[in-house]
N, C-alpha and C. Protein backbone atom coordinates (compact mmCIF):
# COMPACT_ATOMS: atom_id res chain seq x y z
N MET A 1 29.85 116.00 36.58
CA MET A 1 30.21 114.78 36.11
C MET A 1 29.46 114.59 34.65
N ALA A 2 30.28 114.02 33.60
CA ALA A 2 29.47 113.84 32.48
C ALA A 2 28.53 112.54 32.56
N ARG A 3 27.53 112.51 31.89
CA ARG A 3 26.58 111.58 31.83
C ARG A 3 27.14 109.99 31.55
N ASN A 4 27.98 109.83 30.74
CA ASN A 4 28.65 108.80 30.58
C ASN A 4 29.41 108.06 31.76
N GLU A 5 30.16 109.10 32.54
CA GLU A 5 30.97 108.76 33.68
C GLU A 5 29.98 108.30 34.72
N GLU A 6 28.79 108.96 34.76
CA GLU A 6 27.82 108.55 36.12
C GLU A 6 27.42 106.96 35.59
N ASN A 7 27.08 106.75 34.18
CA ASN A 7 26.50 105.48 33.98
C ASN A 7 27.57 104.31 34.04
N PHE A 8 28.82 104.78 33.71
CA PHE A 8 29.72 103.59 33.79
C PHE A 8 31.13 103.76 34.68
N GLY A 9 31.19 104.76 35.33
CA GLY A 9 32.44 105.04 36.21
C GLY A 9 33.61 105.16 35.55
N VAL A 10 33.75 105.38 34.15
CA VAL A 10 34.77 105.39 33.36
C VAL A 10 34.92 106.79 32.84
N ASP A 11 36.09 107.42 33.07
CA ASP A 11 36.37 108.80 32.45
C ASP A 11 36.95 108.58 31.02
N PRO A 12 36.61 108.77 29.85
CA PRO A 12 37.01 108.51 28.83
C PRO A 12 38.67 109.06 28.37
N LEU A 13 38.97 110.55 29.01
CA LEU A 13 40.27 110.98 28.72
C LEU A 13 41.07 110.25 29.74
N SER A 14 40.79 109.76 30.79
CA SER A 14 41.75 108.97 31.64
C SER A 14 42.15 107.68 31.06
N LEU A 15 40.92 106.89 30.59
CA LEU A 15 41.28 105.68 29.78
C LEU A 15 41.93 106.00 28.37
N ALA A 16 41.85 106.87 27.72
CA ALA A 16 42.55 107.27 26.54
C ALA A 16 44.22 107.48 27.08
N GLU A 17 44.39 108.18 28.02
CA GLU A 17 45.60 108.33 28.56
C GLU A 17 46.33 106.93 28.90
N LYS A 18 45.72 106.27 29.65
CA LYS A 18 46.18 104.95 30.00
C LYS A 18 46.64 104.18 28.69
N LEU A 19 45.67 104.19 27.68
CA LEU A 19 45.95 103.25 26.58
C LEU A 19 47.37 104.10 25.71
N LEU A 20 47.41 105.30 25.72
CA LEU A 20 48.49 106.10 25.06
C LEU A 20 49.91 105.72 25.69
N ARG A 21 50.01 105.57 27.09
CA ARG A 21 50.90 105.22 27.97
C ARG A 21 51.39 103.77 27.64
N ALA A 22 50.46 102.96 27.44
CA ALA A 22 50.63 101.44 27.29
C ALA A 22 51.72 101.04 25.90
N GLY A 23 51.88 102.06 25.20
CA GLY A 23 52.43 101.80 24.11
C GLY A 23 51.96 102.42 22.76
N PRO A 24 52.92 102.29 21.69
CA PRO A 24 52.52 103.03 20.51
C PRO A 24 51.15 102.49 20.04
N ILE A 25 50.03 103.22 19.80
CA ILE A 25 48.73 102.90 19.39
C ILE A 25 48.19 103.96 18.16
N CYS A 26 47.60 102.99 17.15
CA CYS A 26 47.17 103.93 16.17
C CYS A 26 45.90 104.49 16.39
N ASP A 27 45.50 105.61 15.60
CA ASP A 27 44.24 106.22 15.87
C ASP A 27 42.96 105.43 15.75
N GLU A 28 42.81 104.52 14.72
CA GLU A 28 41.65 103.40 14.64
C GLU A 28 41.49 102.72 15.98
N CYS A 29 42.58 102.19 16.67
CA CYS A 29 42.48 101.19 17.79
C CYS A 29 42.19 102.22 19.04
N LEU A 30 42.99 103.24 19.17
CA LEU A 30 42.60 104.22 20.33
C LEU A 30 41.06 104.66 20.02
N GLY A 31 40.59 105.15 18.88
CA GLY A 31 39.38 105.84 18.66
C GLY A 31 38.39 104.60 18.86
N ARG A 32 38.43 103.27 18.55
CA ARG A 32 37.59 102.21 18.50
C ARG A 32 37.07 101.72 20.02
N ARG A 33 38.12 102.27 20.89
CA ARG A 33 37.84 101.95 22.21
C ARG A 33 36.53 102.77 23.02
N PHE A 34 36.27 103.84 21.99
CA PHE A 34 35.34 104.63 22.31
C PHE A 34 34.42 104.79 21.22
N ALA A 35 34.09 103.97 20.42
CA ALA A 35 33.36 104.23 19.17
C ALA A 35 32.06 104.30 19.53
N LEU A 36 31.39 103.71 20.58
CA LEU A 36 30.13 103.72 20.93
C LEU A 36 29.67 105.16 21.77
N LEU A 37 30.46 105.86 21.95
CA LEU A 37 30.12 107.30 22.60
C LEU A 37 29.19 107.99 21.63
N PRO A 38 28.52 108.88 22.14
CA PRO A 38 27.58 109.88 21.18
C PRO A 38 28.37 110.57 20.22
N GLY A 39 27.65 110.80 19.06
CA GLY A 39 28.46 111.56 17.90
C GLY A 39 28.72 110.61 16.76
N ARG A 40 29.13 111.29 15.71
CA ARG A 40 29.21 110.74 14.61
C ARG A 40 30.55 110.44 14.02
N LEU A 41 31.51 110.63 14.90
CA LEU A 41 33.07 110.57 14.54
C LEU A 41 33.25 109.01 14.33
N ALA A 42 34.05 108.89 13.24
CA ALA A 42 34.71 107.59 12.98
C ALA A 42 35.82 107.55 14.00
N PRO A 43 36.11 105.99 14.31
CA PRO A 43 37.13 105.93 15.31
C PRO A 43 38.38 106.45 15.16
N ALA A 44 38.89 106.55 13.76
CA ALA A 44 40.30 107.27 13.55
C ALA A 44 40.17 108.45 14.06
N GLU A 45 38.94 109.40 13.73
CA GLU A 45 38.76 110.84 14.14
C GLU A 45 38.88 110.98 15.48
N ARG A 46 38.08 110.12 16.13
CA ARG A 46 38.03 110.14 17.88
C ARG A 46 39.50 109.82 18.29
N GLY A 47 40.18 108.81 17.66
CA GLY A 47 41.57 108.62 18.23
C GLY A 47 42.48 109.84 17.96
N HIS A 48 42.47 110.37 16.85
CA HIS A 48 43.11 111.63 16.55
C HIS A 48 42.99 112.91 17.56
N LEU A 49 41.59 113.01 17.67
CA LEU A 49 41.07 114.01 18.60
C LEU A 49 41.55 113.64 20.26
N LEU A 50 41.42 112.46 20.59
CA LEU A 50 41.92 112.06 21.87
C LEU A 50 43.29 112.48 22.03
N ARG A 51 43.95 112.00 21.00
CA ARG A 51 45.57 112.06 21.22
C ARG A 51 46.03 113.55 21.18
N ALA A 52 45.33 114.25 20.44
CA ALA A 52 45.78 115.76 20.62
C ALA A 52 45.28 116.77 21.82
N ALA A 53 43.92 115.99 22.41
CA ALA A 53 43.48 116.64 23.58
C ALA A 53 44.29 116.31 24.82
N LEU A 54 45.23 115.16 24.52
CA LEU A 54 45.79 114.78 25.73
C LEU A 54 47.43 115.31 25.36
N GLY A 55 47.69 116.12 24.56
CA GLY A 55 49.07 116.55 24.26
C GLY A 55 50.05 115.78 23.77
N GLN A 56 49.30 114.68 23.15
CA GLN A 56 50.20 113.52 22.51
C GLN A 56 50.59 113.73 21.20
N GLY A 57 50.39 115.19 20.48
CA GLY A 57 50.79 115.34 18.99
C GLY A 57 49.53 114.86 18.13
N THR A 58 49.34 115.05 17.11
CA THR A 58 48.35 114.63 16.13
C THR A 58 48.86 113.65 15.24
N ARG A 59 50.10 113.22 15.30
CA ARG A 59 50.68 112.09 14.40
C ARG A 59 50.49 110.59 15.05
N ALA A 60 49.87 109.73 14.61
CA ALA A 60 49.77 108.52 15.04
C ALA A 60 51.12 107.59 14.80
N PRO A 61 51.56 106.82 15.57
CA PRO A 61 52.83 106.14 15.25
C PRO A 61 52.80 105.35 14.07
N GLN A 62 53.88 104.92 13.52
CA GLN A 62 53.84 103.92 12.11
C GLN A 62 53.17 102.49 12.74
N GLU A 63 53.60 102.04 13.98
CA GLU A 63 53.25 100.67 14.48
C GLU A 63 52.27 100.82 15.67
N CYS A 64 51.54 99.74 16.05
CA CYS A 64 50.41 99.84 16.87
C CYS A 64 50.52 98.53 17.59
N TRP A 65 50.68 98.60 18.95
CA TRP A 65 50.92 97.63 19.83
C TRP A 65 49.53 96.84 19.73
N VAL A 66 48.43 97.30 19.56
CA VAL A 66 47.13 96.60 19.47
C VAL A 66 46.80 95.91 18.08
N CYS A 67 46.68 96.59 16.98
CA CYS A 67 46.52 95.84 15.81
C CYS A 67 47.82 95.20 15.13
N GLY A 68 48.90 95.69 15.39
CA GLY A 68 50.26 95.40 14.60
C GLY A 68 50.22 95.90 13.17
N GLY A 69 49.40 97.07 13.11
CA GLY A 69 49.42 97.48 11.68
C GLY A 69 48.25 97.17 10.83
N ALA A 70 47.45 96.26 11.30
CA ALA A 70 46.31 95.69 10.64
C ALA A 70 45.37 96.68 9.74
N PHE A 71 45.26 98.08 10.45
CA PHE A 71 44.49 99.07 9.97
C PHE A 71 45.11 99.54 8.79
N SER A 72 46.41 99.59 8.83
CA SER A 72 47.16 100.43 7.69
C SER A 72 47.46 99.51 6.34
N ARG A 73 46.84 98.09 6.71
CA ARG A 73 46.82 97.22 5.50
C ARG A 73 45.23 97.22 4.76
N VAL A 74 44.26 97.74 5.38
CA VAL A 74 43.08 97.85 4.85
C VAL A 74 42.81 98.26 3.42
N PRO A 75 43.59 99.41 2.98
CA PRO A 75 43.42 99.81 1.34
C PRO A 75 43.96 98.58 0.58
N ILE A 76 45.21 98.00 1.09
CA ILE A 76 45.80 97.02 0.16
C ILE A 76 44.77 95.80 0.11
N TRP A 77 44.28 95.17 1.18
CA TRP A 77 43.08 94.17 1.04
C TRP A 77 41.99 94.69 0.18
N ALA A 78 41.60 95.87 0.44
CA ALA A 78 40.47 96.19 -0.47
C ALA A 78 40.90 96.32 -1.84
N GLN A 79 41.88 96.67 -2.24
CA GLN A 79 42.47 96.58 -3.68
C GLN A 79 42.57 95.02 -4.13
N LYS A 80 42.92 94.25 -3.32
CA LYS A 80 43.12 92.80 -3.43
C LYS A 80 41.65 91.99 -3.81
N ALA A 81 40.81 92.67 -3.09
CA ALA A 81 39.48 92.13 -3.22
C ALA A 81 38.77 92.70 -4.69
N TRP A 82 39.24 94.13 -4.88
CA TRP A 82 38.71 94.52 -6.10
C TRP A 82 39.52 93.83 -7.31
N ASP A 83 40.66 93.85 -7.33
CA ASP A 83 41.31 92.87 -8.31
C ASP A 83 40.83 91.51 -8.60
N LEU A 84 40.44 90.73 -7.59
CA LEU A 84 39.90 89.37 -7.69
C LEU A 84 38.39 89.31 -8.09
N SER A 85 37.65 90.39 -7.90
CA SER A 85 36.33 90.44 -8.21
C SER A 85 36.08 91.23 -9.52
N ARG A 86 37.02 92.06 -10.01
CA ARG A 86 36.91 92.85 -11.39
C ARG A 86 36.16 92.01 -12.53
N PRO A 87 36.55 90.76 -12.77
CA PRO A 87 35.85 90.09 -13.86
C PRO A 87 34.62 89.72 -13.73
N TYR A 88 34.10 89.80 -12.52
CA TYR A 88 32.72 89.25 -12.17
C TYR A 88 31.70 90.24 -12.03
N GLU A 89 30.39 89.87 -12.43
CA GLU A 89 29.31 90.94 -12.15
C GLU A 89 28.68 90.49 -10.86
N PHE A 90 28.45 91.63 -10.09
CA PHE A 90 27.80 91.38 -8.67
C PHE A 90 27.20 92.70 -8.29
N GLU A 91 26.12 92.37 -7.50
CA GLU A 91 25.42 93.29 -6.84
C GLU A 91 25.56 93.66 -5.38
N THR A 92 25.90 92.56 -4.91
CA THR A 92 26.16 92.34 -3.37
C THR A 92 27.46 91.86 -2.99
N PHE A 93 28.11 92.30 -1.76
CA PHE A 93 29.34 91.74 -1.25
C PHE A 93 29.33 91.61 0.29
N LEU A 94 30.36 90.88 0.59
CA LEU A 94 30.41 90.83 2.25
C LEU A 94 31.90 90.64 2.42
N PHE A 95 32.58 91.00 3.55
CA PHE A 95 33.86 90.95 4.11
C PHE A 95 33.67 90.14 5.31
N GLY A 96 34.70 89.15 5.45
CA GLY A 96 34.98 88.47 6.68
C GLY A 96 36.16 88.69 7.03
N VAL A 97 36.66 88.55 8.31
CA VAL A 97 37.93 88.60 8.92
C VAL A 97 38.21 87.65 9.88
N HIS A 98 39.50 86.94 9.41
CA HIS A 98 40.09 85.79 10.48
C HIS A 98 41.17 86.50 10.99
N LEU A 99 40.71 86.63 12.29
CA LEU A 99 41.77 87.49 13.20
C LEU A 99 43.09 86.45 13.65
N SER A 100 44.20 86.89 13.61
CA SER A 100 45.35 86.14 14.21
C SER A 100 45.15 85.73 15.73
N PRO A 101 45.85 84.65 16.09
CA PRO A 101 45.86 84.44 17.45
C PRO A 101 46.37 85.54 18.41
N ARG A 102 47.45 86.36 17.87
CA ARG A 102 47.97 87.47 18.58
C ARG A 102 47.04 88.61 18.79
N LEU A 103 46.16 88.95 17.70
CA LEU A 103 45.31 90.15 17.75
C LEU A 103 44.01 89.67 18.58
N GLU A 104 43.55 88.27 18.60
CA GLU A 104 42.55 87.84 19.46
C GLU A 104 43.20 87.84 21.12
N ALA A 105 44.24 87.79 21.46
CA ALA A 105 44.88 87.69 22.74
C ALA A 105 44.89 89.14 23.32
N THR A 106 45.38 90.22 22.10
CA THR A 106 45.24 91.41 22.39
C THR A 106 43.92 92.19 22.77
N GLU A 107 42.94 91.61 22.08
CA GLU A 107 41.62 91.97 22.38
C GLU A 107 41.34 91.60 23.96
N GLU A 108 41.68 90.40 24.30
CA GLU A 108 41.25 90.24 25.56
C GLU A 108 42.21 90.86 26.40
N VAL A 109 43.21 91.53 26.39
CA VAL A 109 44.21 92.10 27.13
C VAL A 109 43.39 93.57 27.17
N LEU A 110 42.99 94.10 26.34
CA LEU A 110 42.34 95.38 26.19
C LEU A 110 41.20 95.21 27.23
N ALA A 111 40.25 94.23 27.02
CA ALA A 111 39.10 94.16 27.55
C ALA A 111 39.36 93.88 29.09
N GLU A 112 40.50 93.38 29.61
CA GLU A 112 40.93 93.24 30.89
C GLU A 112 41.62 94.15 31.60
N LYS A 113 42.44 95.04 30.69
CA LYS A 113 43.34 95.91 31.39
C LYS A 113 42.67 97.34 31.28
N PHE A 114 42.06 97.52 30.01
CA PHE A 114 41.48 98.87 29.71
C PHE A 114 39.99 98.74 29.31
N PRO A 115 39.26 98.13 30.23
CA PRO A 115 37.80 98.21 30.03
C PRO A 115 37.09 99.24 29.39
N SER A 116 36.21 99.45 28.49
CA SER A 116 35.68 100.32 28.20
C SER A 116 34.23 99.99 27.91
N PRO A 117 33.24 100.74 28.22
CA PRO A 117 31.68 100.52 27.82
C PRO A 117 31.42 100.89 26.52
N TRP A 118 32.27 101.58 25.87
CA TRP A 118 32.26 102.03 24.60
C TRP A 118 33.00 101.43 23.34
N ALA A 119 33.36 100.53 23.74
CA ALA A 119 34.47 99.90 22.65
C ALA A 119 33.77 98.79 21.60
N GLU A 120 34.38 99.05 20.44
CA GLU A 120 34.07 98.28 19.39
C GLU A 120 34.85 97.16 19.15
N PRO A 121 34.61 95.85 18.81
CA PRO A 121 35.47 94.85 18.68
C PRO A 121 36.29 94.83 17.32
N VAL A 122 37.65 94.43 17.33
CA VAL A 122 38.21 94.64 16.32
C VAL A 122 37.78 94.06 15.00
N ARG A 123 37.27 92.99 15.27
CA ARG A 123 36.61 92.09 13.84
C ARG A 123 35.52 93.02 13.30
N ARG A 124 34.70 93.54 14.13
CA ARG A 124 33.68 94.39 13.51
C ARG A 124 34.19 95.76 12.76
N HIS A 125 34.95 96.28 13.54
CA HIS A 125 35.81 97.49 12.89
C HIS A 125 36.53 97.19 11.56
N LEU A 126 37.15 96.24 11.61
CA LEU A 126 37.99 95.78 10.28
C LEU A 126 37.17 95.43 9.25
N ASN A 127 36.04 94.66 9.67
CA ASN A 127 35.23 94.35 8.52
C ASN A 127 34.50 95.73 7.93
N ARG A 128 33.99 96.68 8.88
CA ARG A 128 33.61 98.09 8.37
C ARG A 128 34.58 98.74 7.60
N ALA A 129 35.71 98.79 8.20
CA ALA A 129 36.82 99.58 7.19
C ALA A 129 37.06 98.96 6.03
N LEU A 130 37.10 97.48 5.94
CA LEU A 130 37.27 96.87 4.53
C LEU A 130 36.03 97.22 3.72
N THR A 131 34.89 97.20 4.14
CA THR A 131 33.62 97.48 3.30
C THR A 131 33.56 98.80 2.86
N GLN A 132 34.10 99.85 3.87
CA GLN A 132 34.25 101.25 3.16
C GLN A 132 35.18 101.45 2.00
N ALA A 133 36.17 100.95 2.32
CA ALA A 133 37.43 101.10 1.44
C ALA A 133 37.12 100.26 -0.02
N PHE A 134 36.32 99.26 0.08
CA PHE A 134 36.11 98.52 -1.07
C PHE A 134 34.95 99.25 -1.68
N SER A 135 34.12 99.79 -1.03
CA SER A 135 32.87 100.40 -1.65
C SER A 135 33.48 101.68 -2.28
N GLU A 136 34.50 102.38 -1.71
CA GLU A 136 35.01 103.46 -2.39
C GLU A 136 35.51 103.30 -3.72
N LEU A 137 36.38 101.99 -3.82
CA LEU A 137 36.95 101.61 -5.14
C LEU A 137 35.77 101.33 -6.11
N LEU A 138 34.66 100.69 -5.55
CA LEU A 138 33.66 100.41 -6.72
C LEU A 138 32.85 101.80 -7.23
N ARG A 139 32.86 102.75 -6.33
CA ARG A 139 32.14 104.07 -6.66
C ARG A 139 33.25 104.52 -7.69
N ARG A 140 34.38 104.64 -7.50
CA ARG A 140 35.35 105.16 -8.36
C ARG A 140 35.51 104.53 -9.70
N GLU A 141 35.09 103.05 -9.87
CA GLU A 141 35.09 102.50 -11.12
C GLU A 141 33.63 102.52 -11.64
N GLY A 142 32.80 103.01 -10.99
CA GLY A 142 31.23 103.14 -11.44
C GLY A 142 30.50 101.77 -11.39
N ARG A 143 31.01 100.97 -10.41
CA ARG A 143 30.31 99.66 -10.38
C ARG A 143 29.33 99.50 -8.90
N PRO A 144 28.06 99.79 -8.87
CA PRO A 144 27.43 99.80 -7.98
C PRO A 144 27.11 98.37 -7.22
N ALA A 145 27.62 98.49 -6.02
CA ALA A 145 27.38 97.19 -5.22
C ALA A 145 26.87 97.82 -3.88
N ALA A 146 26.29 96.61 -2.95
CA ALA A 146 25.93 96.88 -1.76
C ALA A 146 26.57 95.83 -0.69
N VAL A 147 26.50 96.13 0.58
CA VAL A 147 26.80 94.90 1.40
C VAL A 147 25.47 94.10 1.64
N HIS A 148 25.38 92.87 1.72
CA HIS A 148 24.49 92.17 1.75
C HIS A 148 24.86 91.01 3.03
N TYR A 149 24.36 90.86 4.09
CA TYR A 149 24.97 90.11 5.05
C TYR A 149 24.50 88.57 5.24
N THR A 150 23.31 88.41 4.55
CA THR A 150 22.86 86.99 4.57
C THR A 150 23.03 86.26 3.15
N ARG A 151 22.86 86.94 1.97
CA ARG A 151 23.29 86.27 0.78
C ARG A 151 23.87 87.16 -0.10
N PRO A 152 25.27 87.39 0.01
CA PRO A 152 26.14 88.25 -0.64
C PRO A 152 26.24 87.57 -2.04
N ASP A 153 26.35 88.03 -3.31
CA ASP A 153 26.89 87.34 -4.45
C ASP A 153 28.23 86.89 -4.42
N VAL A 154 29.06 87.94 -3.76
CA VAL A 154 30.52 87.47 -3.67
C VAL A 154 31.02 87.70 -2.09
N GLN A 155 31.76 87.08 -1.60
CA GLN A 155 32.34 87.04 -0.32
C GLN A 155 34.03 87.30 -0.21
N PHE A 156 34.47 87.88 0.56
CA PHE A 156 35.95 88.09 0.68
C PHE A 156 36.17 87.74 2.13
N LEU A 157 37.34 86.88 2.20
CA LEU A 157 37.81 86.63 3.77
C LEU A 157 39.15 87.08 3.75
N VAL A 158 39.57 87.82 4.79
CA VAL A 158 40.69 88.47 4.97
C VAL A 158 41.37 87.83 6.04
N ASP A 159 42.58 87.22 5.89
CA ASP A 159 43.36 86.44 7.07
C ASP A 159 44.32 87.38 7.53
N VAL A 160 44.20 88.14 8.64
CA VAL A 160 44.96 89.07 9.18
C VAL A 160 46.20 88.46 9.47
N GLU A 161 46.54 87.23 9.91
CA GLU A 161 47.87 86.82 10.31
C GLU A 161 48.65 86.46 8.89
N THR A 162 47.92 85.96 7.88
CA THR A 162 48.84 85.72 6.78
C THR A 162 48.75 86.78 5.71
N THR A 163 47.99 87.97 6.10
CA THR A 163 47.65 88.81 5.01
C THR A 163 46.95 88.27 3.79
N ARG A 164 46.53 87.06 3.65
CA ARG A 164 45.83 86.56 2.38
C ARG A 164 44.47 86.88 2.33
N SER A 165 44.13 86.95 1.26
CA SER A 165 42.58 87.20 1.03
C SER A 165 42.06 86.17 0.10
N SER A 166 40.82 85.63 0.35
CA SER A 166 40.24 84.85 -0.41
C SER A 166 38.84 85.34 -1.14
N PHE A 167 38.56 84.71 -2.01
CA PHE A 167 37.40 85.20 -2.78
C PHE A 167 36.34 84.01 -2.98
N ARG A 168 35.14 83.99 -2.72
CA ARG A 168 33.98 82.98 -3.04
C ARG A 168 32.83 83.88 -3.81
């Protein structure tokens, strides 16, 4: 028995199989249920590997019953943030996410029906994904900036339900 199974009584492959049977799920959402397992894989990579290991193919579905496609919109939101902030000089930034009621309810369902001791909350993962996508845009443009959690020069808030972004 693997060390994690002894500690938590949960078999990661069985849990992944249950999640895949529940409906179409993207690699980000599948993988983030196992984000705290040892290793340096991103949630999307974990999801992809779990899907392949369980014989579910290697292509994630277009829609996701968990996030409703929120992770597929991360590049669009990061681009909007870049467009809003382009005229300003800043050295630090921070993203925030306002979850939709549907996404908050789905997180509760996941915790109840598919409990995972290795799960990462959707809000945290969306914030990280936005930060990474925005950082990549900044690098390409030669604009150095870093995340600052307490006093950022600029802040972005993404509303998942309305898909609006705001800038402060």
